[in-house]
N, C-alpha and C. Protein backbone atom coordinates (compact mmCIF):
# COMPACT_ATOMS: atom_id res chain seq x y z
N MET A 1 -30.11 -41.92 -1.61
CA MET A 1 -31.35 -41.35 -1.37
C MET A 1 -31.42 -40.77 0.08
N LYS A 2 -32.04 -39.65 0.24
CA LYS A 2 -32.25 -39.05 1.58
C LYS A 2 -33.76 -38.77 1.83
N ILE A 3 -34.28 -38.98 3.01
CA ILE A 3 -35.56 -38.69 3.35
C ILE A 3 -35.70 -37.87 4.69
N LYS A 4 -36.73 -37.15 4.82
CA LYS A 4 -36.88 -36.41 6.02
C LYS A 4 -38.16 -37.19 6.83
N LEU A 5 -38.14 -37.46 8.06
CA LEU A 5 -39.15 -37.93 8.70
C LEU A 5 -39.95 -36.99 9.52
N SER A 6 -41.32 -37.19 9.39
CA SER A 6 -42.33 -36.28 10.09
C SER A 6 -43.21 -37.32 10.80
N VAL A 7 -42.70 -38.00 11.98
CA VAL A 7 -43.36 -38.96 12.51
C VAL A 7 -43.43 -38.72 14.04
N SER A 8 -44.20 -39.52 14.87
CA SER A 8 -44.15 -39.32 16.27
C SER A 8 -42.98 -39.85 16.91
N GLU A 9 -42.56 -39.34 17.93
CA GLU A 9 -41.20 -39.74 18.66
C GLU A 9 -41.39 -41.30 18.93
N LYS A 10 -42.45 -41.76 19.33
CA LYS A 10 -42.56 -43.26 19.67
C LYS A 10 -42.26 -44.05 18.42
N CYS A 11 -42.53 -43.60 17.17
CA CYS A 11 -42.25 -44.50 15.95
C CYS A 11 -40.96 -44.12 15.41
N ALA A 12 -40.35 -42.97 15.58
CA ALA A 12 -39.14 -42.42 14.86
C ALA A 12 -38.03 -43.39 14.97
N ALA A 13 -37.65 -43.99 16.14
CA ALA A 13 -36.45 -44.77 16.24
C ALA A 13 -36.65 -46.18 15.24
N ALA A 14 -37.73 -46.75 15.32
CA ALA A 14 -38.02 -47.92 14.62
C ALA A 14 -37.92 -47.60 13.07
N ILE A 15 -38.58 -46.52 12.59
CA ILE A 15 -38.56 -46.15 11.28
C ILE A 15 -37.30 -45.70 10.78
N LYS A 16 -36.50 -45.02 11.58
CA LYS A 16 -35.22 -44.62 11.24
C LYS A 16 -34.28 -45.79 11.04
N ALA A 17 -34.34 -46.68 11.88
CA ALA A 17 -33.56 -48.02 11.87
C ALA A 17 -33.92 -48.79 10.52
N PHE A 18 -35.22 -48.85 10.27
CA PHE A 18 -35.63 -49.61 9.06
C PHE A 18 -35.01 -48.95 7.81
N PHE A 19 -35.08 -47.63 7.68
CA PHE A 19 -34.64 -47.04 6.48
C PHE A 19 -33.05 -46.99 6.35
N ILE A 20 -32.33 -46.80 7.52
CA ILE A 20 -30.94 -46.93 7.62
C ILE A 20 -30.43 -48.26 7.18
N ASP A 21 -31.12 -49.40 7.60
CA ASP A 21 -30.82 -50.71 7.17
C ASP A 21 -31.01 -50.93 5.63
N LYS A 22 -31.97 -50.15 5.10
CA LYS A 22 -32.13 -50.36 3.65
C LYS A 22 -31.19 -49.38 2.81
N GLY A 23 -30.22 -48.66 3.49
CA GLY A 23 -29.39 -47.72 2.87
C GLY A 23 -29.87 -46.41 2.48
N ILE A 24 -30.99 -45.99 3.18
CA ILE A 24 -31.60 -44.77 2.86
C ILE A 24 -31.24 -43.71 4.19
N GLU A 25 -30.70 -42.62 3.79
CA GLU A 25 -30.28 -41.63 4.81
C GLU A 25 -31.30 -40.82 5.29
N ILE A 26 -31.33 -40.63 6.52
CA ILE A 26 -32.31 -39.70 7.24
C ILE A 26 -31.69 -38.32 7.41
N ASP A 27 -32.28 -37.29 6.74
CA ASP A 27 -31.77 -35.99 6.74
C ASP A 27 -32.97 -34.81 6.81
N ASP A 28 -32.77 -33.99 7.64
CA ASP A 28 -33.95 -32.97 7.74
C ASP A 28 -33.81 -31.98 6.60
N ASP A 29 -32.85 -32.06 5.73
CA ASP A 29 -32.77 -31.14 4.54
C ASP A 29 -33.09 -31.82 3.23
N ALA A 30 -33.78 -33.09 3.39
CA ALA A 30 -33.95 -34.05 2.27
C ALA A 30 -35.22 -33.41 1.43
N ASP A 31 -35.30 -33.85 0.23
CA ASP A 31 -36.38 -33.51 -0.75
C ASP A 31 -37.60 -34.25 -0.49
N PHE A 32 -37.51 -35.43 0.01
CA PHE A 32 -38.70 -36.33 0.15
C PHE A 32 -38.92 -36.38 1.69
N VAL A 33 -40.26 -36.38 2.01
CA VAL A 33 -40.74 -36.42 3.46
C VAL A 33 -41.63 -37.57 3.67
N LEU A 34 -41.40 -38.33 4.76
CA LEU A 34 -42.19 -39.38 5.06
C LEU A 34 -42.95 -38.94 6.27
N SER A 35 -44.37 -38.88 6.25
CA SER A 35 -45.11 -38.37 7.35
C SER A 35 -46.12 -39.34 7.81
N GLU A 36 -46.54 -39.26 8.95
CA GLU A 36 -47.48 -40.11 9.68
C GLU A 36 -48.86 -39.64 9.33
N LYS A 37 -49.72 -40.49 8.94
CA LYS A 37 -51.20 -40.17 8.75
C LYS A 37 -51.86 -39.55 9.94
N GLY A 38 -52.52 -38.39 9.77
CA GLY A 38 -53.39 -37.93 10.86
C GLY A 38 -52.50 -37.28 11.97
N ARG A 39 -51.34 -37.02 11.74
CA ARG A 39 -50.41 -36.40 12.64
C ARG A 39 -49.94 -34.97 12.11
N TYR A 40 -49.99 -34.11 12.92
CA TYR A 40 -49.45 -32.78 12.56
C TYR A 40 -48.12 -32.60 13.12
N THR A 41 -47.32 -31.96 12.29
CA THR A 41 -45.92 -31.76 12.87
C THR A 41 -45.77 -30.77 13.97
N GLU A 42 -44.68 -31.01 14.83
CA GLU A 42 -44.45 -30.27 15.94
C GLU A 42 -43.24 -29.36 15.72
N PHE A 43 -42.39 -29.57 14.74
CA PHE A 43 -41.25 -28.75 14.30
C PHE A 43 -41.18 -28.58 12.75
N LEU A 44 -40.62 -27.54 12.42
CA LEU A 44 -40.27 -27.43 11.03
C LEU A 44 -38.65 -27.00 10.94
N ILE A 45 -38.02 -27.39 9.91
CA ILE A 45 -36.53 -27.10 9.76
C ILE A 45 -36.45 -26.01 8.98
N GLY A 46 -35.76 -24.87 9.42
CA GLY A 46 -35.54 -23.61 8.73
C GLY A 46 -34.05 -23.28 8.72
N LYS A 47 -33.70 -22.50 7.73
CA LYS A 47 -32.30 -22.09 7.54
C LYS A 47 -32.21 -20.61 7.68
N ALA A 48 -31.21 -20.27 8.56
CA ALA A 48 -30.87 -18.89 8.79
C ALA A 48 -29.28 -18.73 8.78
N ASP A 49 -28.58 -17.89 8.18
CA ASP A 49 -27.11 -17.66 8.24
C ASP A 49 -26.37 -18.92 8.05
N HIS A 50 -26.91 -19.72 6.95
CA HIS A 50 -26.35 -21.03 6.57
C HIS A 50 -26.31 -22.05 7.55
N THR A 51 -27.24 -22.00 8.45
CA THR A 51 -27.34 -22.92 9.58
C THR A 51 -28.75 -23.43 9.66
N LEU A 52 -28.91 -24.83 9.88
CA LEU A 52 -30.28 -25.33 9.96
C LEU A 52 -30.78 -25.15 11.43
N HIS A 53 -32.01 -24.83 11.62
CA HIS A 53 -32.68 -24.62 12.97
C HIS A 53 -33.89 -25.39 13.07
N ARG A 54 -34.18 -25.99 14.18
CA ARG A 54 -35.42 -26.70 14.39
C ARG A 54 -36.43 -25.80 15.18
N ILE A 55 -37.51 -25.41 14.47
CA ILE A 55 -38.31 -24.32 15.01
C ILE A 55 -39.56 -25.13 15.42
N LYS A 56 -40.00 -24.76 16.75
CA LYS A 56 -41.29 -25.31 17.16
C LYS A 56 -42.54 -24.65 16.43
N VAL A 57 -43.40 -25.41 16.04
CA VAL A 57 -44.75 -24.88 15.43
C VAL A 57 -45.45 -23.82 16.29
N ASP A 58 -45.35 -24.11 17.53
CA ASP A 58 -45.91 -23.18 18.59
C ASP A 58 -45.41 -21.77 18.47
N ASP A 59 -44.15 -21.59 17.94
CA ASP A 59 -43.49 -20.35 17.84
C ASP A 59 -43.87 -19.48 16.48
N ILE A 60 -44.56 -20.16 15.58
CA ILE A 60 -44.74 -19.61 14.27
C ILE A 60 -45.79 -18.52 14.26
N VAL A 61 -45.49 -17.38 13.74
CA VAL A 61 -46.53 -16.24 13.61
C VAL A 61 -47.10 -16.39 12.24
N PHE A 62 -46.44 -16.50 11.26
CA PHE A 62 -46.94 -16.77 9.85
C PHE A 62 -45.82 -17.24 8.91
N ILE A 63 -46.35 -17.71 7.79
CA ILE A 63 -45.38 -18.26 6.80
C ILE A 63 -45.77 -17.73 5.53
N GLU A 64 -44.87 -17.05 4.72
CA GLU A 64 -45.15 -16.48 3.42
C GLU A 64 -44.26 -16.98 2.32
N SER A 65 -44.84 -16.96 1.12
CA SER A 65 -43.99 -17.37 0.08
C SER A 65 -43.81 -16.31 -0.91
N PHE A 66 -42.64 -16.18 -1.57
CA PHE A 66 -42.37 -15.20 -2.68
C PHE A 66 -41.71 -16.22 -3.87
N GLY A 67 -42.53 -16.47 -4.69
CA GLY A 67 -42.21 -17.42 -5.75
C GLY A 67 -41.81 -18.78 -5.21
N LYS A 68 -40.46 -19.26 -5.42
CA LYS A 68 -40.15 -20.45 -4.87
C LYS A 68 -39.48 -20.37 -3.40
N GLN A 69 -39.41 -19.12 -3.00
CA GLN A 69 -38.89 -18.83 -1.69
C GLN A 69 -40.01 -18.88 -0.55
N VAL A 70 -39.85 -19.75 0.56
CA VAL A 70 -40.86 -19.67 1.46
C VAL A 70 -40.07 -19.24 2.88
N ILE A 71 -40.74 -18.28 3.54
CA ILE A 71 -40.13 -17.75 4.85
C ILE A 71 -41.00 -17.86 5.96
N LEU A 72 -40.53 -18.47 6.97
CA LEU A 72 -41.24 -18.74 8.21
C LEU A 72 -40.79 -17.62 9.28
N HIS A 73 -41.89 -16.97 9.68
CA HIS A 73 -41.66 -15.89 10.64
C HIS A 73 -42.10 -16.27 12.11
N ILE A 74 -41.11 -16.04 13.02
CA ILE A 74 -41.47 -16.21 14.48
C ILE A 74 -41.46 -14.87 15.04
N ALA A 75 -41.61 -14.72 16.30
CA ALA A 75 -41.56 -13.37 16.99
C ALA A 75 -40.45 -12.49 16.58
N ASN A 76 -39.24 -12.92 16.55
CA ASN A 76 -38.09 -12.12 16.39
C ASN A 76 -37.10 -12.57 15.22
N ALA A 77 -37.46 -13.46 14.51
CA ALA A 77 -36.52 -14.05 13.57
C ALA A 77 -37.36 -14.52 12.19
N GLU A 78 -36.56 -14.77 11.15
CA GLU A 78 -37.07 -15.39 9.93
C GLU A 78 -36.15 -16.49 9.57
N TYR A 79 -36.83 -17.56 8.97
CA TYR A 79 -36.13 -18.71 8.49
C TYR A 79 -36.60 -19.11 6.97
N HIS A 80 -35.67 -19.49 6.22
CA HIS A 80 -36.10 -20.05 4.93
C HIS A 80 -36.32 -21.57 5.13
N ILE A 81 -37.45 -22.06 4.47
CA ILE A 81 -37.80 -23.49 4.66
C ILE A 81 -37.97 -24.03 3.19
N SER A 82 -37.85 -25.26 3.11
CA SER A 82 -37.78 -25.99 1.75
C SER A 82 -39.16 -26.28 1.46
N GLU A 83 -40.12 -26.52 2.26
CA GLU A 83 -41.46 -26.95 1.95
C GLU A 83 -42.22 -25.87 1.27
N ARG A 84 -43.20 -26.19 0.48
CA ARG A 84 -44.24 -25.21 -0.26
C ARG A 84 -45.32 -25.10 0.70
N LEU A 85 -46.03 -24.03 0.37
CA LEU A 85 -47.27 -23.80 1.27
C LEU A 85 -48.31 -24.88 1.21
N LYS A 86 -48.49 -25.48 0.08
CA LYS A 86 -49.42 -26.54 -0.01
C LYS A 86 -48.92 -27.69 0.86
N GLN A 87 -47.81 -27.97 0.87
CA GLN A 87 -47.31 -29.09 1.79
C GLN A 87 -47.46 -28.78 3.17
N LEU A 88 -47.19 -27.44 3.49
CA LEU A 88 -47.33 -27.04 4.89
C LEU A 88 -48.74 -27.12 5.39
N GLU A 89 -49.67 -26.75 4.53
CA GLU A 89 -51.11 -26.85 4.81
C GLU A 89 -51.46 -28.24 5.38
N ASN A 90 -50.84 -29.31 4.80
CA ASN A 90 -51.03 -30.75 5.14
C ASN A 90 -50.37 -31.10 6.34
N VAL A 91 -49.29 -30.40 6.77
CA VAL A 91 -48.56 -30.92 8.06
C VAL A 91 -48.92 -30.06 9.27
N LEU A 92 -49.47 -28.77 9.01
CA LEU A 92 -49.81 -27.96 10.16
C LEU A 92 -51.22 -28.36 10.58
N ASP A 93 -51.47 -28.13 11.87
CA ASP A 93 -52.81 -28.30 12.40
C ASP A 93 -53.85 -27.32 11.88
N PRO A 94 -54.90 -27.59 11.21
CA PRO A 94 -55.71 -26.80 10.62
C PRO A 94 -56.74 -26.02 11.70
N GLY A 95 -56.68 -26.49 12.89
CA GLY A 95 -57.34 -25.90 14.04
C GLY A 95 -56.51 -24.63 14.50
N ARG A 96 -55.23 -24.59 14.21
CA ARG A 96 -54.36 -23.52 14.61
C ARG A 96 -53.92 -22.60 13.57
N PHE A 97 -53.81 -23.06 12.31
CA PHE A 97 -53.39 -22.33 11.24
C PHE A 97 -54.44 -22.28 10.04
N LEU A 98 -54.20 -21.04 9.35
CA LEU A 98 -55.13 -20.76 8.23
C LEU A 98 -54.49 -20.10 7.09
N ARG A 99 -54.84 -20.57 5.88
CA ARG A 99 -54.22 -19.86 4.83
C ARG A 99 -55.24 -18.61 4.54
N ILE A 100 -54.59 -17.52 4.25
CA ILE A 100 -55.37 -16.25 4.08
C ILE A 100 -55.20 -15.68 2.72
N SER A 101 -54.29 -16.24 1.94
CA SER A 101 -54.08 -15.80 0.64
C SER A 101 -53.23 -16.85 -0.15
N ASN A 102 -52.92 -16.75 -1.31
CA ASN A 102 -52.09 -17.68 -2.03
C ASN A 102 -50.69 -17.70 -1.54
N SER A 103 -50.31 -16.71 -0.87
CA SER A 103 -48.93 -16.66 -0.41
C SER A 103 -48.77 -16.64 1.13
N ILE A 104 -49.83 -16.77 1.90
CA ILE A 104 -49.62 -16.52 3.45
C ILE A 104 -50.51 -17.65 4.24
N ILE A 105 -49.89 -18.14 5.12
CA ILE A 105 -50.52 -18.99 6.18
C ILE A 105 -50.28 -18.34 7.59
N ILE A 106 -51.35 -17.98 8.30
CA ILE A 106 -51.14 -17.43 9.66
C ILE A 106 -51.41 -18.46 10.79
N CYS A 107 -50.86 -18.13 11.85
CA CYS A 107 -51.18 -18.76 13.12
C CYS A 107 -52.50 -17.89 13.71
N CYS A 108 -53.52 -18.58 13.93
CA CYS A 108 -54.80 -17.79 14.19
C CYS A 108 -54.76 -17.14 15.50
N ALA A 109 -53.94 -17.79 16.43
CA ALA A 109 -53.74 -17.22 17.85
C ALA A 109 -52.85 -15.98 17.85
N CYS A 110 -52.15 -15.81 16.70
CA CYS A 110 -51.28 -14.53 16.72
C CYS A 110 -51.93 -13.35 16.07
N VAL A 111 -53.21 -13.41 15.67
CA VAL A 111 -53.98 -12.32 15.11
C VAL A 111 -54.24 -11.30 16.38
N LYS A 112 -53.70 -10.16 16.27
CA LYS A 112 -54.00 -9.09 17.33
C LYS A 112 -55.11 -8.05 16.92
N LYS A 113 -55.05 -7.70 15.59
CA LYS A 113 -56.04 -6.67 15.11
C LYS A 113 -56.52 -7.14 13.77
N ILE A 114 -57.83 -6.87 13.53
CA ILE A 114 -58.50 -7.16 12.26
C ILE A 114 -58.99 -5.91 11.65
N LYS A 115 -58.54 -5.31 10.57
CA LYS A 115 -59.04 -4.10 10.12
C LYS A 115 -59.85 -4.38 8.82
N PRO A 116 -61.20 -4.12 8.60
CA PRO A 116 -61.78 -4.32 7.37
C PRO A 116 -61.53 -3.20 6.43
N THR A 117 -61.52 -3.50 5.17
CA THR A 117 -61.30 -2.56 4.10
C THR A 117 -62.68 -2.29 3.37
N LEU A 118 -62.59 -1.26 2.39
CA LEU A 118 -63.90 -1.05 1.72
C LEU A 118 -64.19 -2.16 0.73
N THR A 119 -63.17 -2.82 0.34
CA THR A 119 -63.39 -4.10 -0.55
C THR A 119 -63.61 -5.27 0.33
N THR A 120 -63.72 -6.30 -0.24
CA THR A 120 -63.80 -7.67 0.46
C THR A 120 -62.46 -8.13 0.99
N LYS A 121 -61.86 -7.37 1.88
CA LYS A 121 -60.47 -7.77 2.35
C LYS A 121 -60.39 -7.39 3.67
N PHE A 122 -59.49 -7.95 4.38
CA PHE A 122 -59.10 -7.47 5.82
C PHE A 122 -57.50 -7.27 5.82
N ILE A 123 -57.16 -6.41 6.77
CA ILE A 123 -55.69 -6.16 7.03
C ILE A 123 -55.55 -6.65 8.43
N LEU A 124 -54.66 -7.58 8.65
CA LEU A 124 -54.34 -8.12 10.04
C LEU A 124 -53.04 -7.59 10.62
N THR A 125 -53.08 -7.40 11.86
CA THR A 125 -51.83 -7.04 12.56
C THR A 125 -51.58 -8.29 13.49
N LEU A 126 -50.35 -8.83 13.23
CA LEU A 126 -50.02 -10.05 14.05
C LEU A 126 -49.15 -9.65 15.29
N SER A 127 -49.00 -10.67 16.04
CA SER A 127 -48.28 -10.51 17.39
C SER A 127 -46.95 -9.94 17.21
N ASN A 128 -46.22 -10.27 16.14
CA ASN A 128 -44.92 -9.73 15.88
C ASN A 128 -44.87 -8.23 15.25
N GLY A 129 -46.03 -7.69 15.06
CA GLY A 129 -46.07 -6.42 14.49
C GLY A 129 -46.23 -6.31 12.99
N SER A 130 -46.10 -7.44 12.32
CA SER A 130 -46.35 -7.61 10.83
C SER A 130 -47.82 -7.31 10.52
N THR A 131 -48.06 -6.83 9.32
CA THR A 131 -49.32 -6.74 8.77
C THR A 131 -49.36 -7.56 7.49
N VAL A 132 -50.50 -8.30 7.41
CA VAL A 132 -50.67 -9.03 6.20
C VAL A 132 -52.17 -8.94 5.82
N ASP A 133 -52.51 -9.21 4.60
CA ASP A 133 -53.78 -9.05 3.91
C ASP A 133 -54.51 -10.41 3.80
N VAL A 134 -55.71 -10.48 4.10
CA VAL A 134 -56.63 -11.57 3.77
C VAL A 134 -57.17 -11.12 2.44
N THR A 135 -56.95 -11.97 1.42
CA THR A 135 -57.34 -11.73 0.00
C THR A 135 -58.81 -12.05 -0.13
N ARG A 136 -59.40 -11.62 -1.19
CA ARG A 136 -60.86 -11.87 -1.57
C ARG A 136 -61.10 -13.31 -1.55
N SER A 137 -60.08 -14.12 -2.22
CA SER A 137 -60.43 -15.50 -2.38
C SER A 137 -60.56 -16.20 -1.01
N TYR A 138 -60.04 -15.70 0.12
CA TYR A 138 -59.99 -16.29 1.36
C TYR A 138 -60.83 -15.58 2.40
N TYR A 139 -61.45 -14.46 1.92
CA TYR A 139 -62.22 -13.62 2.83
C TYR A 139 -63.28 -14.32 3.63
N TYR A 140 -64.07 -15.08 2.89
CA TYR A 140 -65.23 -15.73 3.60
C TYR A 140 -64.76 -16.95 4.51
N LEU A 141 -63.77 -17.61 4.10
CA LEU A 141 -63.14 -18.59 4.99
C LEU A 141 -62.60 -17.99 6.24
N PHE A 142 -61.98 -16.86 6.16
CA PHE A 142 -61.43 -16.15 7.30
C PHE A 142 -62.63 -15.70 8.20
N ARG A 143 -63.66 -15.00 7.59
CA ARG A 143 -64.84 -14.55 8.39
C ARG A 143 -65.49 -15.81 9.19
N GLU A 144 -65.64 -16.93 8.43
CA GLU A 144 -66.24 -18.00 9.21
C GLU A 144 -65.50 -18.39 10.37
N ARG A 145 -64.11 -18.56 10.01
CA ARG A 145 -63.19 -19.09 11.19
C ARG A 145 -63.16 -18.19 12.44
N PHE A 146 -63.19 -16.89 12.19
CA PHE A 146 -63.12 -15.91 13.24
C PHE A 146 -64.52 -15.46 13.77
N GLY A 147 -65.58 -15.92 13.06
CA GLY A 147 -67.01 -15.53 13.55
C GLY A 147 -67.32 -14.12 13.26
N ILE A 148 -66.90 -13.62 12.23
CA ILE A 148 -67.01 -12.18 11.86
C ILE A 148 -68.35 -12.08 11.04
């Protein structure tokens, strides 16, 4: 069995030793994740060109899903990640990230332009030049968060 750890640096060594002693392998590409309560992750593991990369959460512009495929976007690159959006909502700091549709989570600090539409939607331009829609289901949450 393999697990991925999402714990603080001060706890990581002891937890890693405990699981290795029990015959459980620690792997960033594992299906199971052990996370520390009340702690938000600082890194996510993404895959690009068949190579795993450790991506700082500070670099994330937005995350989107297409069916079972989840793509993490930073300023100049894209990475495929194994976590689902619901899992990511639980490990990303809600003070910095916001879900704006069933398929997109944005970094609030990366919103550069907000364009209202005739319907209850917004079109956002993000810091990397991408445009994304705030859907009707998330419209009021977005308005409240941004004070619109």
